[in-house]
Amino acid sequence: MQNPHDTLFHHVMRHPAHAAAWVRSRLPATLELAIDWSTFAPAGERVPGLRLRSQHLDLVFVAELDGRRARLVLLLEHKSAPDVGLLSQVLRYCVHLLHSMRRASGRHCQVVPFVLSHGGPPVLAVPTGELDPEVACALAPMQPRIAPLVEDLDPRSEQELLQAPLPPAVRLLFLCLQQSRRLGAAEWLRAIDRWSVLLRAVESDPSDADPYDLLDAVGWYLVDTSDLDETQVQVAFERHLSHPENQRMTTGQRIRMESREIGRAEGRSEGRSEGRVEAKAETLIRLLQRRFGPLGQQRLDQIGAASVAQLDHWTDRVLDVSSCDDVFAGA
């Protein structure tokens, strides 16, 4: 289940105008000029192939590159705390995306990963465990590697983020994520007052995103991550909006709270279920590869789409048949 930081990141960045603006701000000029931005669009949160984890992949967009000579796949990843597995995780996603998108489109593809980080410095070195430093140094050139485009919010000042050349909703997102672990309730109320111009800019932004839906998401993010309650956030926002009557936080507030509790419980259950399926799929793949050798992508896709019952049935058959095809016979 997503944490509140992931939820807000997805809520804002799922809109192509917001994602494209951030991506353009991070890309080298040569790449920015080579992309046909009129073709920038979501690729869908689930991509073809075996699931890589129990949750959705982080946001994936596609665009035409270099006069349509290739398709560019852009992965937007978010980290709200240091993660020693960051580089290996991003590498894994990118290899999967590259293979899946090429297979699905039949075209040449390139992948570029982006990482938005806050809550501690991003870990941009591959852990070497207890290896001797000289041994690790000798191995380093031979290891798979990737260099995502990283934006770390922590070192940036509030004023810098307020004035960044980005859509208002993206600036508000960055400020909320950056300040989430720094401010108490009273400080948050003062921050909302300081961001009054930005709140009105979100409200009047002509993009396709519903501004009050975005402000509602920000409001609930503050409730979920700070000591502020719904009423405090509602009143603080209303002081600065041109049309406060459109703010929706208190509409059906009790229903919303009950729904959130139900959603959390369902999310925990779904997460456990998806995690169980993924673990069984990985076990089956490992057994098949040890007995019959590498699997083709079609077979991996079949395993990735299977139910728990199917996975159990195939796993039971691995030791009783003479070929990989026989495991799936009659599937």
C-alpha atoms as a PDB file:
ATOM      1  CA  MET A   1       0.000   0.000   0.000  1.00  0.00           C
ATOM      2  CA  GLN A   2       1.280   3.458  -0.870  1.00  0.00           C
ATOM      3  CA  ASN A   3       2.329   5.809   1.916  1.00  0.00           C
ATOM      4  CA  PRO A   4       0.878   9.364   1.929  1.00  0.00           C
ATOM      5  CA  HIS A   5       4.003  10.751   0.234  1.00  0.00           C
ATOM      6  CA  ASP A   6       3.675   8.291  -2.663  1.00  0.00           C
ATOM      7  CA  THR A   7      -0.047   8.976  -2.915  1.00  0.00           C
ATOM      8  CA  LEU A   8       0.423  12.728  -3.276  1.00  0.00           C
ATOM      9  CA  PHE A   9       3.314  12.267  -5.724  1.00  0.00           C
ATOM     10  CA  HIS A  10       1.125  10.051  -7.917  1.00  0.00           C
ATOM     11  CA  HIS A  11      -1.883  12.344  -7.608  1.00  0.00           C
ATOM     12  CA  VAL A  12       0.048  15.330  -8.962  1.00  0.00           C
ATOM     13  CA  MET A  13       2.450  13.676 -11.387  1.00  0.00           C
ATOM     14  CA  ARG A  14      -0.125  11.451 -13.068  1.00  0.00           C
ATOM     15  CA  HIS A  15      -1.173  14.519 -15.046  1.00  0.00           C
ATOM     16  CA  PRO A  16       0.999  14.695 -18.213  1.00  0.00           C
ATOM     17  CA  ALA A  17       1.394  18.485 -18.046  1.00  0.00           C
ATOM     18  CA  HIS A  18       2.839  18.250 -14.529  1.00  0.00           C
ATOM     19  CA  ALA A  19       5.074  15.272 -15.278  1.00  0.00           C
ATOM     20  CA  ALA A  20       6.345  16.769 -18.544  1.00  0.00           C
ATOM     21  CA  ALA A  21       7.246  20.060 -16.876  1.00  0.00           C
ATOM     22  CA  TRP A  22       9.316  18.319 -14.206  1.00  0.00           C
ATOM     23  CA  VAL A  23      10.954  15.972 -16.713  1.00  0.00           C
ATOM     24  CA  ARG A  24      11.905  18.898 -18.968  1.00  0.00           C
ATOM     25  CA  SER A  25      13.466  20.719 -16.037  1.00  0.00           C
ATOM     26  CA  ARG A  26      15.805  17.753 -15.385  1.00  0.00           C
ATOM     27  CA  LEU A  27      16.764  16.653 -18.894  1.00  0.00           C
ATOM     28  CA  PRO A  28      19.956  17.735 -20.669  1.00  0.00           C
ATOM     29  CA  ALA A  29      19.165  20.320 -23.352  1.00  0.00           C
ATOM     30  CA  THR A  30      20.071  17.947 -26.199  1.00  0.00           C
ATOM     31  CA  LEU A  31      17.510  15.394 -25.062  1.00  0.00           C
ATOM     32  CA  GLU A  32      14.816  17.971 -24.346  1.00  0.00           C
ATOM     33  CA  LEU A  33      15.091  19.284 -27.916  1.00  0.00           C
ATOM     34  CA  ALA A  34      15.028  15.765 -29.378  1.00  0.00           C
ATOM     35  CA  ILE A  35      11.657  14.864 -27.804  1.00  0.00           C
ATOM     36  CA  ASP A  36       8.323  15.512 -29.498  1.00  0.00           C
ATOM     37  CA  TRP A  37       6.492  16.819 -26.431  1.00  0.00           C
ATOM     38  CA  SER A  38       3.129  16.721 -28.197  1.00  0.00           C
ATOM     39  CA  THR A  39       3.353  12.914 -27.950  1.00  0.00           C
ATOM     40  CA  PHE A  40       4.173  12.796 -24.231  1.00  0.00           C
ATOM     41  CA  ALA A  41       1.545  10.563 -22.612  1.00  0.00           C
ATOM     42  CA  PRO A  42       1.065   7.998 -19.822  1.00  0.00           C
ATOM     43  CA  ALA A  43       2.136   4.475 -20.697  1.00  0.00           C
ATOM     44  CA  GLY A  44      -0.225   3.005 -18.128  1.00  0.00           C
ATOM     45  CA  GLU A  45       0.719   2.116 -14.553  1.00  0.00           C
ATOM     46  CA  ARG A  46       1.014  -1.582 -15.326  1.00  0.00           C
ATOM     47  CA  VAL A  47       3.373  -2.572 -18.111  1.00  0.00           C
ATOM     48  CA  PRO A  48       3.467  -5.910 -19.962  1.00  0.00           C
ATOM     49  CA  GLY A  49       5.322  -8.777 -18.356  1.00  0.00           C
ATOM     50  CA  LEU A  50       5.914 -10.279 -14.967  1.00  0.00           C
ATOM     51  CA  ARG A  51       5.152  -8.082 -11.979  1.00  0.00           C
ATOM     52  CA  LEU A  52       8.266  -6.639 -10.429  1.00  0.00           C
ATOM     53  CA  ARG A  53       6.698  -5.955  -7.043  1.00  0.00           C
ATOM     54  CA  SER A  54       3.351  -6.071  -5.300  1.00  0.00           C
ATOM     55  CA  GLN A  55       2.478  -2.467  -6.056  1.00  0.00           C
ATOM     56  CA  HIS A  56       2.157  -0.621  -9.320  1.00  0.00           C
ATOM     57  CA  LEU A  57       5.247   0.572 -11.020  1.00  0.00           C
ATOM     58  CA  ASP A  58       5.836   4.218 -10.406  1.00  0.00           C
ATOM     59  CA  LEU A  59       4.595   6.547 -13.111  1.00  0.00           C
ATOM     60  CA  VAL A  60       5.642   5.660 -16.655  1.00  0.00           C
ATOM     61  CA  PHE A  61       5.292   7.959 -19.655  1.00  0.00           C
ATOM     62  CA  VAL A  62       6.246   7.607 -23.317  1.00  0.00           C
ATOM     63  CA  ALA A  63       7.158  10.109 -26.035  1.00  0.00           C
ATOM     64  CA  GLU A  64       8.516  10.065 -29.563  1.00  0.00           C
ATOM     65  CA  LEU A  65      12.242  10.689 -29.804  1.00  0.00           C
ATOM     66  CA  ASP A  66      14.506  12.113 -32.500  1.00  0.00           C
ATOM     67  CA  GLY A  67      11.981  12.529 -35.291  1.00  0.00           C
ATOM     68  CA  ARG A  68      10.187   9.291 -34.374  1.00  0.00           C
ATOM     69  CA  ARG A  69      13.334   7.217 -34.825  1.00  0.00           C
ATOM     70  CA  ALA A  70      12.725   5.754 -31.373  1.00  0.00           C
ATOM     71  CA  ARG A  71      10.287   5.790 -28.496  1.00  0.00           C
ATOM     72  CA  LEU A  72      11.420   7.215 -25.176  1.00  0.00           C
ATOM     73  CA  VAL A  73      10.119   5.572 -22.001  1.00  0.00           C
ATOM     74  CA  LEU A  74      10.316   7.759 -18.885  1.00  0.00           C
ATOM     75  CA  LEU A  75      10.083   6.259 -15.413  1.00  0.00           C
ATOM     76  CA  LEU A  76       9.195   8.599 -12.529  1.00  0.00           C
ATOM     77  CA  GLU A  77      10.223   7.143  -9.172  1.00  0.00           C
ATOM     78  CA  HIS A  78       9.716   8.688  -5.723  1.00  0.00           C
ATOM     79  CA  LYS A  79      11.663   8.052  -2.520  1.00  0.00           C
ATOM     80  CA  SER A  80      10.604   9.495   0.842  1.00  0.00           C
ATOM     81  CA  ALA A  81      13.579   8.021   2.719  1.00  0.00           C
ATOM     82  CA  PRO A  82      17.097   6.774   1.927  1.00  0.00           C
ATOM     83  CA  ASP A  83      17.014   3.393   0.211  1.00  0.00           C
ATOM     84  CA  VAL A  84      20.196   1.354  -0.255  1.00  0.00           C
ATOM     85  CA  GLY A  85      18.422  -0.597  -3.000  1.00  0.00           C
ATOM     86  CA  LEU A  86      17.558   2.491  -5.050  1.00  0.00           C
ATOM     87  CA  LEU A  87      19.964   1.925  -7.948  1.00  0.00           C
ATOM     88  CA  SER A  88      19.334  -1.799  -8.245  1.00  0.00           C
ATOM     89  CA  GLN A  89      15.573  -1.204  -8.061  1.00  0.00           C
ATOM     90  CA  VAL A  90      15.646   1.456 -10.768  1.00  0.00           C
ATOM     91  CA  LEU A  91      17.926  -0.699 -12.927  1.00  0.00           C
ATOM     92  CA  ARG A  92      15.540  -3.608 -12.558  1.00  0.00           C
ATOM     93  CA  TYR A  93      12.539  -1.473 -13.528  1.00  0.00           C
ATOM     94  CA  CYS A  94      14.327   0.033 -16.512  1.00  0.00           C
ATOM     95  CA  VAL A  95      15.511  -3.290 -17.932  1.00  0.00           C
ATOM     96  CA  HIS A  96      11.994  -4.653 -17.578  1.00  0.00           C
ATOM     97  CA  LEU A  97      10.452  -1.563 -19.154  1.00  0.00           C
ATOM     98  CA  LEU A  98      12.927  -1.605 -22.020  1.00  0.00           C
ATOM     99  CA  HIS A  99      12.248  -5.243 -22.827  1.00  0.00           C
ATOM    100  CA  SER A 100       8.476  -5.008 -22.341  1.00  0.00           C
ATOM    101  CA  MET A 101       7.996  -1.834 -24.355  1.00  0.00           C
ATOM    102  CA  ARG A 102      10.159  -3.057 -27.218  1.00  0.00           C
ATOM    103  CA  ARG A 103       8.231  -6.303 -27.306  1.00  0.00           C
ATOM    104  CA  ALA A 104       4.835  -4.590 -27.108  1.00  0.00           C
ATOM    105  CA  SER A 105       5.549  -1.894 -29.713  1.00  0.00           C
ATOM    106  CA  GLY A 106       8.021  -3.653 -31.983  1.00  0.00           C
ATOM    107  CA  ARG A 107      10.053  -0.462 -31.997  1.00  0.00           C
ATOM    108  CA  HIS A 108      13.412   0.670 -30.747  1.00  0.00           C
ATOM    109  CA  CYS A 109      13.047   2.163 -27.263  1.00  0.00           C
ATOM    110  CA  GLN A 110      15.216   4.079 -24.826  1.00  0.00           C
ATOM    111  CA  VAL A 111      14.522   4.422 -21.096  1.00  0.00           C
ATOM    112  CA  VAL A 112      15.273   7.386 -18.833  1.00  0.00           C
ATOM    113  CA  PRO A 113      14.632   7.111 -15.069  1.00  0.00           C
ATOM    114  CA  PHE A 114      13.898  10.081 -12.807  1.00  0.00           C
ATOM    115  CA  VAL A 115      13.995   9.998  -9.015  1.00  0.00           C
ATOM    116  CA  LEU A 116      12.412  12.560  -6.706  1.00  0.00           C
ATOM    117  CA  SER A 117      13.979  12.234  -3.248  1.00  0.00           C
ATOM    118  CA  HIS A 118      13.322  13.745   0.175  1.00  0.00           C
ATOM    119  CA  GLY A 119      13.556  12.662   3.791  1.00  0.00           C
ATOM    120  CA  GLY A 120      17.281  11.993   3.670  1.00  0.00           C
ATOM    121  CA  PRO A 121      20.070  11.936   1.076  1.00  0.00           C
ATOM    122  CA  PRO A 122      19.461   9.488  -1.790  1.00  0.00           C
ATOM    123  CA  VAL A 123      21.782   6.482  -1.816  1.00  0.00           C
ATOM    124  CA  LEU A 124      23.577   6.715  -5.165  1.00  0.00           C
ATOM    125  CA  ALA A 125      26.222   4.047  -4.573  1.00  0.00           C
ATOM    126  CA  VAL A 126      25.770   0.302  -4.934  1.00  0.00           C
ATOM    127  CA  PRO A 127      26.328  -1.413  -1.556  1.00  0.00           C
ATOM    128  CA  THR A 128      29.377  -3.693  -1.529  1.00  0.00           C
ATOM    129  CA  GLY A 129      28.601  -5.483   1.726  1.00  0.00           C
ATOM    130  CA  GLU A 130      31.679  -6.702   3.546  1.00  0.00           C
ATOM    131  CA  LEU A 131      33.919  -6.917   0.489  1.00  0.00           C
ATOM    132  CA  ASP A 132      37.476  -5.725   0.791  1.00  0.00           C
ATOM    133  CA  PRO A 133      37.632  -2.185  -0.710  1.00  0.00           C
ATOM    134  CA  GLU A 134      40.216  -3.277  -3.300  1.00  0.00           C
ATOM    135  CA  VAL A 135      38.071  -6.239  -4.350  1.00  0.00           C
ATOM    136  CA  ALA A 136      34.984  -4.009  -4.580  1.00  0.00           C
ATOM    137  CA  CYS A 137      36.945  -1.495  -6.668  1.00  0.00           C
ATOM    138  CA  ALA A 138      38.107  -4.239  -9.033  1.00  0.00           C
ATOM    139  CA  LEU A 139      34.562  -5.542  -9.448  1.00  0.00           C
ATOM    140  CA  ALA A 140      32.898  -2.132  -9.899  1.00  0.00           C
ATOM    141  CA  PRO A 141      33.557  -1.679 -13.664  1.00  0.00           C
ATOM    142  CA  MET A 142      31.965  -5.066 -14.378  1.00  0.00           C
ATOM    143  CA  GLN A 143      28.719  -4.481 -12.471  1.00  0.00           C
ATOM    144  CA  PRO A 144      25.454  -3.450 -14.130  1.00  0.00           C
ATOM    145  CA  ARG A 145      24.855   0.193 -13.421  1.00  0.00           C
ATOM    146  CA  ILE A 146      22.480   3.048 -14.072  1.00  0.00           C
ATOM    147  CA  ALA A 147      22.567   6.784 -13.393  1.00  0.00           C
ATOM    148  CA  PRO A 148      19.008   8.125 -12.893  1.00  0.00           C
ATOM    149  CA  LEU A 149      18.306  11.820 -13.031  1.00  0.00           C
ATOM    150  CA  VAL A 150      17.857  12.642  -9.343  1.00  0.00           C
ATOM    151  CA  GLU A 151      16.231  15.665  -7.722  1.00  0.00           C
ATOM    152  CA  ASP A 152      16.817  15.870  -3.975  1.00  0.00           C
ATOM    153  CA  LEU A 153      14.370  18.310  -2.390  1.00  0.00           C
ATOM    154  CA  ASP A 154      16.020  18.468   1.025  1.00  0.00           C
ATOM    155  CA  PRO A 155      18.857  20.944   0.262  1.00  0.00           C
ATOM    156  CA  ARG A 156      16.600  23.384  -1.599  1.00  0.00           C
ATOM    157  CA  SER A 157      15.211  26.448   0.149  1.00  0.00           C
ATOM    158  CA  GLU A 158      11.523  27.187   0.479  1.00  0.00           C
ATOM    159  CA  GLN A 159      11.936  30.332  -1.595  1.00  0.00           C
ATOM    160  CA  GLU A 160      13.711  28.425  -4.345  1.00  0.00           C
ATOM    161  CA  LEU A 161      10.870  25.915  -4.592  1.00  0.00           C
ATOM    162  CA  LEU A 162       8.237  28.667  -4.513  1.00  0.00           C
ATOM    163  CA  GLN A 163       9.895  30.374  -7.475  1.00  0.00           C
ATOM    164  CA  ALA A 164      10.839  27.280  -9.487  1.00  0.00           C
ATOM    165  CA  PRO A 165       9.768  27.438 -13.174  1.00  0.00           C
ATOM    166  CA  LEU A 166       7.275  24.605 -12.729  1.00  0.00           C
ATOM    167  CA  PRO A 167       3.454  24.351 -12.674  1.00  0.00           C
ATOM    168  CA  PRO A 168       1.925  25.567  -9.384  1.00  0.00           C
ATOM    169  CA  ALA A 169       0.740  22.087  -8.398  1.00  0.00           C
ATOM    170  CA  VAL A 170       4.256  20.655  -8.827  1.00  0.00           C
ATOM    171  CA  ARG A 171       5.757  23.442  -6.706  1.00  0.00           C
ATOM    172  CA  LEU A 172       3.144  22.824  -4.007  1.00  0.00           C
ATOM    173  CA  LEU A 173       3.882  19.097  -4.137  1.00  0.00           C
ATOM    174  CA  PHE A 174       7.611  19.697  -3.701  1.00  0.00           C
ATOM    175  CA  LEU A 175       7.077  22.063  -0.783  1.00  0.00           C
ATOM    176  CA  CYS A 176       4.734  19.652   1.003  1.00  0.00           C
ATOM    177  CA  LEU A 177       7.091  16.709   0.566  1.00  0.00           C
ATOM    178  CA  GLN A 178      10.132  18.711   1.627  1.00  0.00           C
ATOM    179  CA  GLN A 179       8.496  20.140   4.749  1.00  0.00           C
ATOM    180  CA  SER A 180       6.549  17.030   5.783  1.00  0.00           C
ATOM    181  CA  ARG A 181       8.971  16.005   8.547  1.00  0.00           C
ATOM    182  CA  ARG A 182      10.058  19.482   9.560  1.00  0.00           C
ATOM    183  CA  LEU A 183       6.920  21.374  10.573  1.00  0.00           C
ATOM    184  CA  GLY A 184       4.565  21.132  13.517  1.00  0.00           C
ATOM    185  CA  ALA A 185       0.893  22.097  13.320  1.00  0.00           C
ATOM    186  CA  ALA A 186       1.416  25.811  14.055  1.00  0.00           C
ATOM    187  CA  GLU A 187       4.324  25.982  11.602  1.00  0.00           C
ATOM    188  CA  TRP A 188       2.218  24.345   8.906  1.00  0.00           C
ATOM    189  CA  LEU A 189      -0.485  26.983   9.335  1.00  0.00           C
ATOM    190  CA  ARG A 190       2.124  29.714   8.941  1.00  0.00           C
ATOM    191  CA  ALA A 191       3.524  27.952   5.885  1.00  0.00           C
ATOM    192  CA  ILE A 192       0.062  27.828   4.273  1.00  0.00           C
ATOM    193  CA  ASP A 193      -0.184  31.589   4.814  1.00  0.00           C
ATOM    194  CA  ARG A 194       3.232  32.073   3.185  1.00  0.00           C
ATOM    195  CA  TRP A 195       2.112  29.983   0.221  1.00  0.00           C
ATOM    196  CA  SER A 196      -1.104  31.939  -0.361  1.00  0.00           C
ATOM    197  CA  VAL A 197      -0.061  33.130  -3.825  1.00  0.00           C
ATOM    198  CA  LEU A 198       0.854  29.577  -4.789  1.00  0.00           C
ATOM    199  CA  LEU A 199      -2.491  28.203  -3.583  1.00  0.00           C
ATOM    200  CA  ARG A 200      -4.333  30.748  -5.715  1.00  0.00           C
ATOM    201  CA  ALA A 201      -2.087  29.855  -8.652  1.00  0.00           C
ATOM    202  CA  VAL A 202      -3.072  26.184  -8.281  1.00  0.00           C
ATOM    203  CA  GLU A 203      -6.708  27.225  -8.092  1.00  0.00           C
ATOM    204  CA  SER A 204      -6.495  29.250 -11.326  1.00  0.00           C
ATOM    205  CA  ASP A 205      -4.139  26.965 -13.277  1.00  0.00           C
ATOM    206  CA  PRO A 206      -5.650  26.418 -16.767  1.00  0.00           C
ATOM    207  CA  SER A 207      -4.270  22.858 -17.107  1.00  0.00           C
ATOM    208  CA  ASP A 208      -6.570  19.858 -17.491  1.00  0.00           C
ATOM    209  CA  ALA A 209      -6.179  18.848 -13.842  1.00  0.00           C
ATOM    210  CA  ASP A 210      -9.067  19.686 -11.510  1.00  0.00           C
ATOM    211  CA  PRO A 211      -7.530  22.317  -9.171  1.00  0.00           C
ATOM    212  CA  TYR A 212      -9.861  21.566  -6.270  1.00  0.00           C
ATOM    213  CA  ASP A 213      -9.162  17.865  -6.576  1.00  0.00           C
ATOM    214  CA  LEU A 214      -5.441  18.677  -6.291  1.00  0.00           C
ATOM    215  CA  LEU A 215      -6.004  20.970  -3.316  1.00  0.00           C
ATOM    216  CA  ASP A 216      -8.177  18.300  -1.706  1.00  0.00           C
ATOM    217  CA  ALA A 217      -5.317  15.796  -2.103  1.00  0.00           C
ATOM    218  CA  VAL A 218      -2.868  18.255  -0.552  1.00  0.00           C
ATOM    219  CA  GLY A 219      -5.266  18.912   2.320  1.00  0.00           C
ATOM    220  CA  TRP A 220      -5.636  15.234   3.129  1.00  0.00           C
ATOM    221  CA  TYR A 221      -1.883  14.793   2.833  1.00  0.00           C
ATOM    222  CA  LEU A 222      -1.438  17.416   5.565  1.00  0.00           C
ATOM    223  CA  VAL A 223      -4.024  15.650   7.730  1.00  0.00           C
ATOM    224  CA  ASP A 224      -2.274  12.305   7.219  1.00  0.00           C
ATOM    225  CA  THR A 225       1.265  13.553   7.870  1.00  0.00           C
ATOM    226  CA  SER A 226       0.892  16.328  10.450  1.00  0.00           C
ATOM    227  CA  ASP A 227      -1.008  17.139  13.642  1.00  0.00           C
ATOM    228  CA  LEU A 228      -3.515  19.275  11.743  1.00  0.00           C
ATOM    229  CA  ASP A 229      -7.113  18.120  11.557  1.00  0.00           C
ATOM    230  CA  GLU A 230      -9.491  18.477   8.606  1.00  0.00           C
ATOM    231  CA  THR A 231     -11.141  21.631   9.888  1.00  0.00           C
ATOM    232  CA  GLN A 232      -7.843  23.433  10.479  1.00  0.00           C
ATOM    233  CA  VAL A 233      -6.653  22.646   6.958  1.00  0.00           C
ATOM    234  CA  GLN A 234      -9.990  23.605   5.443  1.00  0.00           C
ATOM    235  CA  VAL A 235     -10.069  26.980   7.208  1.00  0.00           C
ATOM    236  CA  ALA A 236      -6.408  27.689   6.413  1.00  0.00           C
ATOM    237  CA  PHE A 237      -6.963  27.037   2.695  1.00  0.00           C
ATOM    238  CA  GLU A 238     -10.231  28.967   2.533  1.00  0.00           C
ATOM    239  CA  ARG A 239      -8.507  32.146   3.732  1.00  0.00           C
ATOM    240  CA  HIS A 240      -6.450  32.225   0.543  1.00  0.00           C
ATOM    241  CA  LEU A 241      -8.653  30.804  -2.213  1.00  0.00           C
ATOM    242  CA  SER A 242     -10.610  32.995  -4.607  1.00  0.00           C
ATOM    243  CA  HIS A 243     -13.532  30.544  -4.570  1.00  0.00           C
ATOM    244  CA  PRO A 244     -13.389  28.756  -1.220  1.00  0.00           C
ATOM    245  CA  GLU A 245     -16.898  27.420  -1.734  1.00  0.00           C
ATOM    246  CA  ASN A 246     -15.395  24.951  -4.226  1.00  0.00           C
ATOM    247  CA  GLN A 247     -13.131  23.388  -1.606  1.00  0.00           C
ATOM    248  CA  ARG A 248     -14.495  19.943  -0.805  1.00  0.00           C
ATOM    249  CA  MET A 249     -12.653  18.700   2.263  1.00  0.00           C
ATOM    250  CA  THR A 250     -15.536  18.899   4.715  1.00  0.00           C
ATOM    251  CA  THR A 251     -18.159  17.508   2.328  1.00  0.00           C
ATOM    252  CA  GLY A 252     -19.118  14.080   3.632  1.00  0.00           C
ATOM    253  CA  GLN A 253     -16.186  14.281   6.034  1.00  0.00           C
ATOM    254  CA  ARG A 254     -17.352  11.404   8.227  1.00  0.00           C
ATOM    255  CA  ILE A 255     -17.944   9.212   5.163  1.00  0.00           C
ATOM    256  CA  ARG A 256     -14.508  10.112   3.857  1.00  0.00           C
ATOM    257  CA  MET A 257     -12.868   9.163   7.148  1.00  0.00           C
ATOM    258  CA  GLU A 258     -14.746   5.846   7.279  1.00  0.00           C
ATOM    259  CA  SER A 259     -13.849   5.150   3.661  1.00  0.00           C
ATOM    260  CA  ARG A 260     -10.190   5.830   4.354  1.00  0.00           C
ATOM    261  CA  GLU A 261     -10.214   3.318   7.224  1.00  0.00           C
ATOM    262  CA  ILE A 262     -11.918   0.730   5.009  1.00  0.00           C
ATOM    263  CA  GLY A 263      -9.445   1.496   2.240  1.00  0.00           C
ATOM    264  CA  ARG A 264      -6.487   1.034   4.565  1.00  0.00           C
ATOM    265  CA  ALA A 265      -7.803  -2.354   5.681  1.00  0.00           C
ATOM    266  CA  GLU A 266      -8.494  -3.425   2.082  1.00  0.00           C
ATOM    267  CA  GLY A 267      -5.101  -2.134   1.034  1.00  0.00           C
ATOM    268  CA  ARG A 268      -3.354  -4.177   3.702  1.00  0.00           C
ATOM    269  CA  SER A 269      -5.285  -7.265   2.635  1.00  0.00           C
ATOM    270  CA  GLU A 270      -4.640  -6.655  -1.061  1.00  0.00           C
ATOM    271  CA  GLY A 271      -0.960  -6.007  -0.402  1.00  0.00           C
ATOM    272  CA  ARG A 272      -0.623  -9.294   1.444  1.00  0.00           C
ATOM    273  CA  SER A 273      -2.475 -11.102  -1.367  1.00  0.00           C
ATOM    274  CA  GLU A 274      -0.375  -9.558  -4.128  1.00  0.00           C
ATOM    275  CA  GLY A 275       2.797 -10.195  -2.187  1.00  0.00           C
ATOM    276  CA  ARG A 276       1.790 -13.852  -1.811  1.00  0.00           C
ATOM    277  CA  VAL A 277       1.201 -14.192  -5.563  1.00  0.00           C
ATOM    278  CA  GLU A 278       4.519 -12.530  -6.379  1.00  0.00           C
ATOM    279  CA  ALA A 279       6.432 -14.784  -3.974  1.00  0.00           C
ATOM    280  CA  LYS A 280       4.853 -17.909  -5.456  1.00  0.00           C
ATOM    281  CA  ALA A 281       5.611 -16.700  -8.994  1.00  0.00           C
ATOM    282  CA  GLU A 282       9.244 -16.080  -8.133  1.00  0.00           C
ATOM    283  CA  THR A 283       9.530 -19.535  -6.540  1.00  0.00           C
ATOM    284  CA  LEU A 284       8.045 -21.207  -9.616  1.00  0.00           C
ATOM    285  CA  ILE A 285      10.380 -19.309 -11.955  1.00  0.00           C
ATOM    286  CA  ARG A 286      13.393 -20.253  -9.891  1.00  0.00           C
ATOM    287  CA  LEU A 287      12.437 -23.951  -9.900  1.00  0.00           C
ATOM    288  CA  LEU A 288      11.703 -23.972 -13.633  1.00  0.00           C
ATOM    289  CA  GLN A 289      14.978 -22.277 -14.505  1.00  0.00           C
ATOM    290  CA  ARG A 290      17.006 -24.634 -12.310  1.00  0.00           C
ATOM    291  CA  ARG A 291      15.411 -27.659 -13.948  1.00  0.00           C
ATOM    292  CA  PHE A 292      14.805 -26.555 -17.544  1.00  0.00           C
ATOM    293  CA  GLY A 293      16.940 -23.457 -18.103  1.00  0.00           C
ATOM    294  CA  PRO A 294      16.009 -19.839 -18.969  1.00  0.00           C
ATOM    295  CA  LEU A 295      12.355 -19.031 -19.640  1.00  0.00           C
ATOM    296  CA  GLY A 296      11.045 -17.076 -22.602  1.00  0.00           C
ATOM    297  CA  GLN A 297       9.118 -13.842 -22.149  1.00  0.00           C
ATOM    298  CA  GLN A 298       5.830 -15.479 -23.181  1.00  0.00           C
ATOM    299  CA  ARG A 299       6.183 -17.996 -20.372  1.00  0.00           C
ATOM    300  CA  LEU A 300       7.125 -15.253 -17.888  1.00  0.00           C
ATOM    301  CA  ASP A 301       4.032 -13.300 -18.937  1.00  0.00           C
ATOM    302  CA  GLN A 302       1.892 -16.390 -18.383  1.00  0.00           C
ATOM    303  CA  ILE A 303       3.265 -16.832 -14.879  1.00  0.00           C
ATOM    304  CA  GLY A 304       2.836 -13.137 -14.125  1.00  0.00           C
ATOM    305  CA  ALA A 305      -0.877 -13.279 -14.982  1.00  0.00           C
ATOM    306  CA  ALA A 306      -1.591 -16.473 -13.036  1.00  0.00           C
ATOM    307  CA  SER A 307      -3.674 -16.925  -9.904  1.00  0.00           C
ATOM    308  CA  VAL A 308      -2.422 -18.455  -6.663  1.00  0.00           C
ATOM    309  CA  ALA A 309      -4.191 -21.723  -7.513  1.00  0.00           C
ATOM    310  CA  GLN A 310      -2.541 -21.913 -10.935  1.00  0.00           C
ATOM    311  CA  LEU A 311       0.888 -21.169  -9.491  1.00  0.00           C
ATOM    312  CA  ASP A 312       0.458 -23.876  -6.853  1.00  0.00           C
ATOM    313  CA  HIS A 313      -0.665 -26.379  -9.504  1.00  0.00           C
ATOM    314  CA  TRP A 314       2.326 -25.660 -11.779  1.00  0.00           C
ATOM    315  CA  THR A 315       4.784 -25.741  -8.878  1.00  0.00           C
ATOM    316  CA  ASP A 316       3.490 -29.161  -7.855  1.00  0.00           C
ATOM    317  CA  ARG A 317       4.119 -30.440 -11.404  1.00  0.00           C
ATOM    318  CA  VAL A 318       7.715 -29.224 -11.780  1.00  0.00           C
ATOM    319  CA  LEU A 319       9.289 -32.419 -10.379  1.00  0.00           C
ATOM    320  CA  ASP A 320       6.849 -34.798 -12.084  1.00  0.00           C
ATOM    321  CA  VAL A 321       7.286 -33.860 -15.750  1.00  0.00           C
ATOM    322  CA  SER A 322      10.123 -34.071 -18.259  1.00  0.00           C
ATOM    323  CA  SER A 323       9.859 -30.654 -19.937  1.00  0.00           C
ATOM    324  CA  CYS A 324       8.862 -27.097 -19.164  1.00  0.00           C
ATOM    325  CA  ASP A 325       5.956 -27.294 -21.629  1.00  0.00           C
ATOM    326  CA  ASP A 326       4.566 -30.292 -19.755  1.00  0.00           C
ATOM    327  CA  VAL A 327       4.343 -28.193 -16.577  1.00  0.00           C
ATOM    328  CA  PHE A 328       1.849 -25.908 -18.298  1.00  0.00           C
ATOM    329  CA  ALA A 329       0.065 -28.557 -20.361  1.00  0.00           C
ATOM    330  CA  GLY A 330      -3.669 -28.033 -20.228  1.00  0.00           C
ATOM    331  CA  ALA A 331      -3.283 -24.560 -18.620  1.00  0.00           C
END
